[in-house]
Protein backbone atom coordinates (compact mmCIF):
# COMPACT_ATOMS: atom_id res chain seq x y z
CA MET A 1 -22.65 -15.37 4.18
CA THR A 2 -21.40 -11.77 4.32
CA THR A 3 -19.22 -10.73 1.38
CA ILE A 4 -16.37 -8.23 1.50
CA LEU A 5 -15.30 -6.81 -1.87
CA VAL A 6 -11.57 -6.06 -1.97
CA CYS A 7 -10.49 -4.07 -5.01
CA GLY A 8 -6.79 -4.32 -5.76
CA GLY A 9 -6.66 -7.50 -3.70
CA ALA A 10 -3.80 -9.07 -5.64
CA GLY A 11 -1.36 -6.26 -4.82
CA PHE A 12 1.00 -5.95 -1.87
CA ILE A 13 -1.28 -4.49 0.82
CA GLY A 14 -4.50 -5.76 -0.73
CA SER A 15 -3.39 -9.39 -0.71
CA GLN A 16 -2.36 -9.07 2.94
CA MET A 17 -5.81 -7.69 3.69
CA VAL A 18 -7.47 -10.58 1.88
CA ARG A 19 -5.58 -13.10 4.04
CA HIS A 20 -6.38 -11.06 7.17
CA LEU A 21 -10.11 -10.98 6.37
CA LEU A 22 -10.21 -14.72 5.70
CA ASP A 23 -8.44 -15.35 9.01
CA GLU A 24 -10.36 -12.87 11.15
CA THR A 25 -13.89 -12.88 9.74
CA GLY A 26 -16.29 -15.62 8.76
CA GLY A 27 -17.28 -13.94 5.52
CA ARG A 28 -16.52 -14.41 1.86
CA VAL A 29 -13.92 -12.24 0.18
CA ALA A 30 -14.42 -11.24 -3.46
CA VAL A 31 -11.23 -9.87 -5.05
CA VAL A 32 -11.22 -7.54 -8.05
CA ASP A 33 -7.81 -6.92 -9.60
CA ARG A 34 -6.75 -5.92 -13.10
CA LEU A 35 -3.42 -7.72 -12.57
CA THR A 36 -1.18 -4.90 -13.69
CA TYR A 37 2.61 -5.24 -13.37
CA ALA A 38 2.40 -4.93 -9.55
CA GLY A 39 -0.56 -7.27 -8.99
CA SER A 40 -0.31 -11.03 -9.24
CA ARG A 41 -2.17 -14.18 -8.35
CA ASP A 42 1.15 -15.27 -6.83
CA ASN A 43 0.38 -12.94 -3.93
CA LEU A 44 -2.72 -15.01 -3.11
CA VAL A 45 -1.41 -18.47 -3.86
CA GLU A 46 -2.01 -19.78 -0.31
CA VAL A 47 -5.71 -18.83 -0.34
CA MET A 48 -6.70 -18.97 -4.01
CA ASP A 49 -8.41 -22.35 -3.57
CA SER A 50 -10.42 -21.24 -0.53
CA PRO A 51 -14.17 -21.80 -0.94
CA ARG A 52 -14.62 -18.39 0.67
CA LEU A 53 -12.63 -16.56 -2.03
CA ALA A 54 -13.86 -15.35 -5.41
CA PHE A 55 -11.49 -13.72 -7.90
CA TYR A 56 -12.42 -11.32 -10.71
CA PRO A 57 -9.60 -10.18 -13.04
CA GLU A 58 -11.37 -6.95 -13.90
CA ASP A 59 -10.58 -3.23 -14.15
CA ILE A 60 -12.34 -1.01 -11.58
CA THR A 61 -12.89 1.59 -14.30
CA ASP A 62 -15.01 -0.90 -16.29
CA ARG A 63 -18.50 0.21 -15.29
CA PRO A 64 -20.47 -2.77 -16.73
CA ALA A 65 -18.07 -5.24 -15.09
CA MET A 66 -18.33 -3.51 -11.70
CA THR A 67 -22.11 -3.34 -11.96
CA ALA A 68 -22.25 -7.09 -12.65
CA ILE A 69 -19.89 -7.93 -9.78
CA PHE A 70 -21.89 -5.85 -7.28
CA ALA A 71 -25.12 -7.48 -8.45
CA ARG A 72 -23.63 -10.95 -8.06
CA GLU A 73 -21.73 -10.49 -4.79
CA ARG A 74 -23.94 -7.94 -2.98
CA PRO A 75 -21.08 -6.91 -0.68
CA ARG A 76 -21.50 -5.62 2.84
CA TRP A 77 -18.15 -3.82 2.69
CA VAL A 78 -16.09 -2.46 -0.18
CA VAL A 79 -12.36 -1.85 0.41
CA ASN A 80 -10.53 -0.03 -2.36
CA PHE A 81 -6.77 -0.62 -2.62
CA ALA A 82 -6.84 -0.56 -6.41
CA ALA A 83 -4.47 2.18 -7.53
CA GLU A 84 -1.34 3.10 -9.37
CA THR A 85 1.03 3.81 -6.49
CA HIS A 86 4.64 4.45 -7.51
CA VAL A 87 5.61 8.13 -7.35
CA ASP A 88 8.45 7.77 -9.86
CA ARG A 89 6.10 6.29 -12.48
CA SER A 90 3.65 9.15 -11.95
CA ILE A 91 6.44 11.62 -12.76
CA ASP A 92 7.07 9.85 -16.06
CA ASP A 93 3.36 9.67 -16.98
CA ALA A 94 0.46 10.77 -14.80
CA SER A 95 -2.27 9.47 -17.11
CA PRO A 96 -2.57 5.93 -15.66
CA PHE A 97 -2.77 7.45 -12.18
CA ILE A 98 -5.65 9.72 -13.07
CA HIS A 99 -7.42 6.84 -14.79
CA ALA A 100 -7.10 4.35 -11.91
CA ASN A 101 -7.03 6.61 -8.87
CA VAL A 102 -9.70 9.10 -9.91
CA THR A 103 -11.94 7.56 -12.57
CA GLY A 104 -11.65 4.18 -10.88
CA VAL A 105 -12.78 5.58 -7.54
CA GLN A 106 -15.72 7.33 -9.17
CA THR A 107 -16.79 4.10 -10.87
CA LEU A 108 -16.65 2.16 -7.59
CA LEU A 109 -18.53 4.86 -5.72
CA ASP A 110 -21.27 4.89 -8.35
CA ALA A 111 -21.56 1.08 -8.26
CA SER A 112 -21.60 1.17 -4.45
CA LEU A 113 -24.29 3.84 -4.38
CA THR A 114 -26.56 1.93 -6.77
CA HIS A 115 -26.06 -1.24 -4.73
CA TRP A 116 -26.52 0.54 -1.36
CA ARG A 117 -29.82 2.04 -2.44
CA THR A 118 -31.26 -1.43 -3.11
CA LEU A 119 -30.43 -2.78 0.37
CA PRO A 120 -32.91 -3.21 3.21
CA GLU A 121 -32.51 -0.59 5.94
CA GLU A 122 -30.49 -2.83 8.30
CA GLU A 123 -28.04 -3.74 5.55
CA ARG A 124 -27.79 -0.10 4.47
CA GLU A 125 -26.73 0.75 8.01
CA ALA A 126 -24.01 -1.93 7.95
CA PHE A 127 -22.61 -1.07 4.50
CA ARG A 128 -19.19 0.60 4.31
CA PHE A 129 -17.02 1.94 1.46
CA LEU A 130 -13.40 2.27 2.62
CA GLN A 131 -11.03 4.29 0.45
CA ILE A 132 -7.40 3.40 1.15
CA SER A 133 -5.26 6.51 0.85
CA THR A 134 -1.79 7.74 1.81
CA ASP A 135 -0.08 10.29 4.02
CA GLU A 136 1.40 11.79 0.82
CA VAL A 137 -1.84 13.69 0.20
CA TYR A 138 -0.84 16.10 2.99
CA GLY A 139 2.37 17.21 1.27
CA ALA A 140 5.62 17.60 3.21
CA LEU A 141 6.43 18.39 6.84
CA GLY A 142 9.27 20.35 8.38
CA GLU A 143 11.63 18.85 10.93
CA SER A 144 8.88 18.58 13.57
CA GLY A 145 5.16 17.99 13.81
CA GLU A 146 2.77 15.33 12.50
CA PHE A 147 -0.08 15.31 10.00
CA ARG A 148 -3.56 15.19 11.51
CA GLU A 149 -6.79 14.30 9.77
CA SER A 150 -7.96 17.92 9.79
CA ASP A 151 -4.84 19.22 7.98
CA PRO A 152 -5.34 20.60 4.47
CA LEU A 153 -4.36 18.53 1.46
CA ALA A 154 -1.26 19.74 -0.38
CA PRO A 155 -0.05 16.90 -2.62
CA ASN A 156 3.28 17.46 -4.37
CA SER A 157 3.48 14.55 -6.81
CA PRO A 158 1.06 13.48 -9.53
CA TYR A 159 0.53 10.25 -7.58
CA ALA A 160 -0.36 12.10 -4.38
CA ALA A 161 -2.65 14.48 -6.27
CA SER A 162 -4.57 11.56 -7.78
CA LYS A 163 -4.99 9.96 -4.36
CA ALA A 164 -6.20 13.24 -2.86
CA ALA A 165 -8.80 13.42 -5.63
CA GLY A 166 -10.04 9.94 -4.71
CA ASP A 167 -10.33 10.97 -1.06
CA LEU A 168 -12.41 13.99 -1.98
CA LEU A 169 -14.68 11.94 -4.21
CA ALA A 170 -15.36 9.56 -1.30
CA ARG A 171 -16.20 12.59 0.86
CA ALA A 172 -18.47 14.03 -1.84
CA TRP A 173 -20.47 10.80 -2.22
CA ARG A 174 -20.96 10.83 1.55
CA GLN A 175 -22.01 14.48 1.71
CA THR A 176 -24.15 14.44 -1.43
CA HIS A 177 -25.71 10.98 -1.41
CA GLY A 178 -25.29 9.75 2.17
CA LEU A 179 -23.14 6.77 1.13
CA PRO A 180 -21.31 5.45 4.23
CA THR A 181 -17.73 6.13 3.16
CA LEU A 182 -14.53 6.17 5.18
CA VAL A 183 -10.97 7.18 4.29
CA THR A 184 -7.72 5.95 5.83
CA ARG A 185 -4.32 7.54 5.26
CA CYS A 186 -1.37 5.35 6.10
CA SER A 187 2.37 5.89 6.35
CA ASN A 188 4.94 3.82 4.42
CA ASN A 189 4.20 0.07 4.45
CA TYR A 190 6.74 -2.73 4.31
CA GLY A 191 6.64 -6.51 4.47
CA PRO A 192 6.55 -9.61 2.25
CA ARG A 193 5.32 -9.44 -1.37
CA GLN A 194 6.05 -5.77 -1.91
CA PHE A 195 6.86 -5.15 -5.55
CA PRO A 196 10.59 -4.45 -6.07
CA GLU A 197 10.12 -0.92 -7.39
CA LYS A 198 9.67 0.17 -3.76
CA LEU A 199 12.60 1.12 -1.49
CA ILE A 200 12.93 -1.87 0.84
CA PRO A 201 12.64 -4.75 -1.68
CA LEU A 202 14.69 -2.83 -4.26
CA MET A 203 17.57 -2.30 -1.83
CA LEU A 204 17.39 -5.80 -0.46
CA LEU A 205 17.44 -7.52 -3.83
CA ASN A 206 20.15 -5.23 -5.20
CA ALA A 207 22.33 -5.83 -2.14
CA ARG A 208 22.03 -9.58 -2.37
CA GLU A 209 23.20 -9.43 -5.98
CA GLY A 210 26.05 -7.00 -5.31
CA ARG A 211 24.37 -4.23 -7.32
CA PRO A 212 24.53 -0.53 -6.30
CA LEU A 213 22.07 0.70 -3.68
CA PRO A 214 20.83 4.05 -5.10
CA VAL A 215 19.84 6.46 -2.31
CA TYR A 216 18.14 9.65 -3.51
CA GLY A 217 19.78 12.97 -2.64
CA ASP A 218 21.55 12.93 0.72
CA GLY A 219 19.41 10.08 2.10
CA GLY A 220 17.90 12.39 4.69
CA ASN A 221 14.27 12.11 3.58
CA VAL A 222 12.27 10.87 6.56
CA ARG A 223 9.41 8.38 6.45
CA ASP A 224 7.24 6.74 9.11
CA TRP A 225 7.24 2.95 8.64
CA ILE A 226 4.53 0.43 9.47
CA HIS A 227 4.37 -3.32 8.89
CA VAL A 228 1.66 -4.29 6.42
CA ALA A 229 0.07 -6.65 8.97
CA ASP A 230 -0.41 -3.77 11.43
CA HIS A 231 -1.94 -1.67 8.66
CA CYS A 232 -4.47 -4.37 7.78
CA ALA A 233 -5.40 -4.93 11.42
CA ALA A 234 -6.17 -1.21 11.65
CA LEU A 235 -8.31 -1.34 8.51
CA LEU A 236 -10.48 -4.12 9.90
CA GLN A 237 -11.02 -2.06 13.05
CA VAL A 238 -12.11 0.88 10.89
CA LEU A 239 -14.52 -1.29 8.92
CA GLU A 240 -16.05 -2.79 12.04
CA ARG A 241 -16.22 0.26 14.30
CA GLY A 242 -15.27 3.39 12.36
CA GLN A 243 -17.78 6.18 11.88
CA PRO A 244 -18.97 6.84 8.30
CA GLY A 245 -17.69 10.11 6.93
CA GLU A 246 -14.53 10.01 9.07
CA ILE A 247 -10.86 10.00 8.07
CA TYR A 248 -8.36 7.93 10.10
CA ASN A 249 -4.60 8.28 9.96
CA ILE A 250 -2.64 5.05 10.39
CA GLY A 251 1.00 5.44 11.41
CA GLY A 252 3.72 3.22 12.78
CA ASN A 253 5.29 5.81 15.09
CA CYS A 254 8.60 4.77 13.54
CA GLU A 255 10.39 7.58 11.73
CA HIS A 256 13.72 6.96 10.01
CA THR A 257 15.72 8.55 7.22
CA ASN A 258 15.97 6.57 4.01
CA LEU A 259 19.71 6.22 4.56
CA HIS A 260 19.25 4.77 8.04
CA LEU A 261 16.67 2.32 6.73
CA VAL A 262 19.00 1.14 3.94
CA GLN A 263 21.85 0.75 6.42
CA SER A 264 19.57 -1.29 8.70
CA LEU A 265 18.65 -3.60 5.81
CA CYS A 266 22.36 -4.06 5.03
CA ALA A 267 23.04 -4.99 8.66
CA ILE A 268 20.25 -7.59 8.72
CA LEU A 269 21.40 -9.07 5.41
CA GLN A 270 24.96 -9.19 6.75
CA GLU A 271 23.72 -11.40 9.60
CA LEU A 272 21.65 -13.72 7.42
CA LEU A 273 23.96 -13.86 4.37
CA PRO A 274 27.40 -12.45 5.28
CA ALA A 275 28.98 -10.48 2.46
CA GLY A 276 32.12 -12.59 2.71
CA GLU A 277 30.05 -15.66 1.84
CA ASN A 278 28.21 -13.93 -1.04
CA PRO A 279 30.12 -14.53 -4.29
CA ARG A 280 28.62 -11.37 -5.86
CA LEU A 281 30.31 -9.21 -3.22
CA ARG A 282 33.41 -11.35 -2.81
CA GLU A 283 34.28 -10.89 -6.49
CA GLN A 284 34.15 -7.11 -5.92
CA GLY A 285 36.40 -7.35 -2.86
CA LEU A 286 33.62 -6.13 -0.55
CA ASP A 287 32.96 -7.47 2.94
CA ASP A 288 30.04 -5.22 3.92
CA TYR A 289 26.77 -4.56 2.04
CA ARG A 290 26.91 -0.90 3.05
CA SER A 291 29.79 -0.47 0.62
CA LEU A 292 27.18 -0.74 -2.16
CA ILE A 293 25.37 2.48 -1.15
CA ARG A 294 25.51 5.17 -3.83
CA PHE A 295 23.97 8.66 -3.57
CA VAL A 296 22.15 9.59 -6.78
CA PRO A 297 20.35 12.76 -7.96
CA ASP A 298 17.13 13.29 -6.06
CA ARG A 299 13.77 12.84 -7.76
CA PRO A 300 11.73 15.92 -8.69
CA GLY A 301 9.44 17.19 -5.94
CA HIS A 302 10.72 14.68 -3.36
CA ASP A 303 8.94 15.45 -0.06
CA ARG A 304 11.46 15.77 2.76
CA ARG A 305 9.46 14.30 5.63
CA TYR A 306 6.15 12.60 6.40
CA ALA A 307 4.75 11.61 9.79
CA VAL A 308 1.13 10.98 10.72
CA ASN A 309 -0.58 11.30 14.06
CA SER A 310 -2.74 8.21 14.77
CA ASP A 311 -4.23 9.40 18.08
CA LYS A 312 -7.75 9.51 16.65
CA LEU A 313 -7.63 5.88 15.55
CA GLN A 314 -5.91 4.72 18.73
CA GLN A 315 -8.28 6.51 21.08
CA ALA A 316 -11.52 5.76 19.21
CA LEU A 317 -10.85 2.16 18.17
CA GLY A 318 -8.07 0.97 20.47
CA TRP A 319 -5.64 0.04 17.69
CA ARG A 320 -1.86 0.04 18.23
CA PRO A 321 0.98 -1.03 15.90
CA ARG A 322 2.46 -4.27 17.23
CA VAL A 323 5.38 -5.21 14.96
CA PRO A 324 8.69 -3.52 15.96
CA LEU A 325 10.70 -2.33 12.96
CA ALA A 326 13.76 -4.49 13.70
CA GLU A 327 11.58 -7.61 13.95
CA GLY A 328 9.52 -6.72 10.89
CA LEU A 329 12.54 -5.92 8.72
CA ALA A 330 14.28 -9.17 9.68
CA GLN A 331 11.16 -11.15 8.84
CA THR A 332 10.86 -9.29 5.55
CA VAL A 333 14.49 -9.93 4.56
CA ARG A 334 14.11 -13.65 5.31
CA TRP A 335 10.94 -13.83 3.20
CA TYR A 336 12.64 -12.36 0.13
CA LEU A 337 15.66 -14.64 0.55
CA GLU A 338 13.42 -17.70 0.81
CA ASN A 339 11.02 -16.89 -2.07
CA GLU A 340 13.12 -16.93 -5.20
CA ALA A 341 10.25 -17.97 -7.48
CA TRP A 342 8.21 -14.93 -6.43
CA ARG A 343 11.19 -12.65 -7.12
CA LEU A 344 11.78 -14.09 -10.57
CA ALA A 345 8.11 -13.69 -11.48
CA ALA A 346 8.13 -10.07 -10.30
CA GLU A 347 11.30 -9.28 -12.18
CA SER A 348 9.79 -10.50 -15.42
CA ARG A 349 7.66 -7.32 -15.12
CA TYR A 350 10.31 -4.90 -13.79
CA ARG A 351 14.10 -4.96 -14.11
CA ARG A 352 14.80 -2.50 -11.30
CA GLU A 353 15.67 0.32 -13.65
CA ARG A 354 15.36 3.87 -12.33
CA LEU A 355 12.14 5.70 -13.16
CA GLY A 356 10.85 9.22 -12.65
CA LEU A 357 13.79 11.29 -13.88
CA ALA A 358 11.42 13.66 -15.71
CA MET A 359 13.88 14.02 -18.60
């Protein structure tokens, strides 16, 4: 049975990809995850007992552990989600980002190369190493235009710089050694199981509890949003039909300011749990979640706008995003309201304090 190795498979996007692979392929999925604050077995609870799933609580920078896992699993595909991902944390301390996002990628590439060289020719042709990256490696856009795969890299945060380094390592292993690598760069993901340090779950959980909704700067920073299920569907297309050595942008064609997104979340929450029926807001004399919005000092180096052009992916592989933002946000809000145990477990690792003030 074909095995797909998913590194970082207990995180937000990685766990969605694990479920997608189990649903859409007949292969085994081997998950490697160090289970940092943002990764949890809770994200895989529905599939953890599957006979087609193996779980390794290991660090991708641990070379002997990775060598042993590759020897045991002999994967056909390697998908690397494993990374430190929160920009604010990278401002406070870049060291974990360099360790995971640069050294970790090198370790996986080396293990993949050693494994790939042992394969018969047909299996060598089928092997893929997919590095999951971000649109943040391109830097910031003006009021118009979109990032294309050929654009230069100009990362502005320590997080983005570490991801750009990983992308370039994947390219180098392709150019130097012939390893069949691919890179995808996606816009902002949202959906169930996203750790509450990120914008959407942070705002949603704060609003439900009547806590302030901190919006950086003037709220005018623009992001392109994509549902995590659409992202994972694109990744499977890239694994199955993408050309080694290529980069594919993955975007949702759904640009909104941060302020508009927070206001949209407030409106959905108002429908599902009216503020007048929420004792946390009623005791403050508030009848609308939008009253909780507070503008706070912007974070250092905050890119004003991102947008990616996905024409290459759409034309070559026929992928299109399918989940409209209004539908996806409503589904996401309902999931967080209905999964209190998941929230409590996540908050044992993060209290929603502000990070990245660089002070």
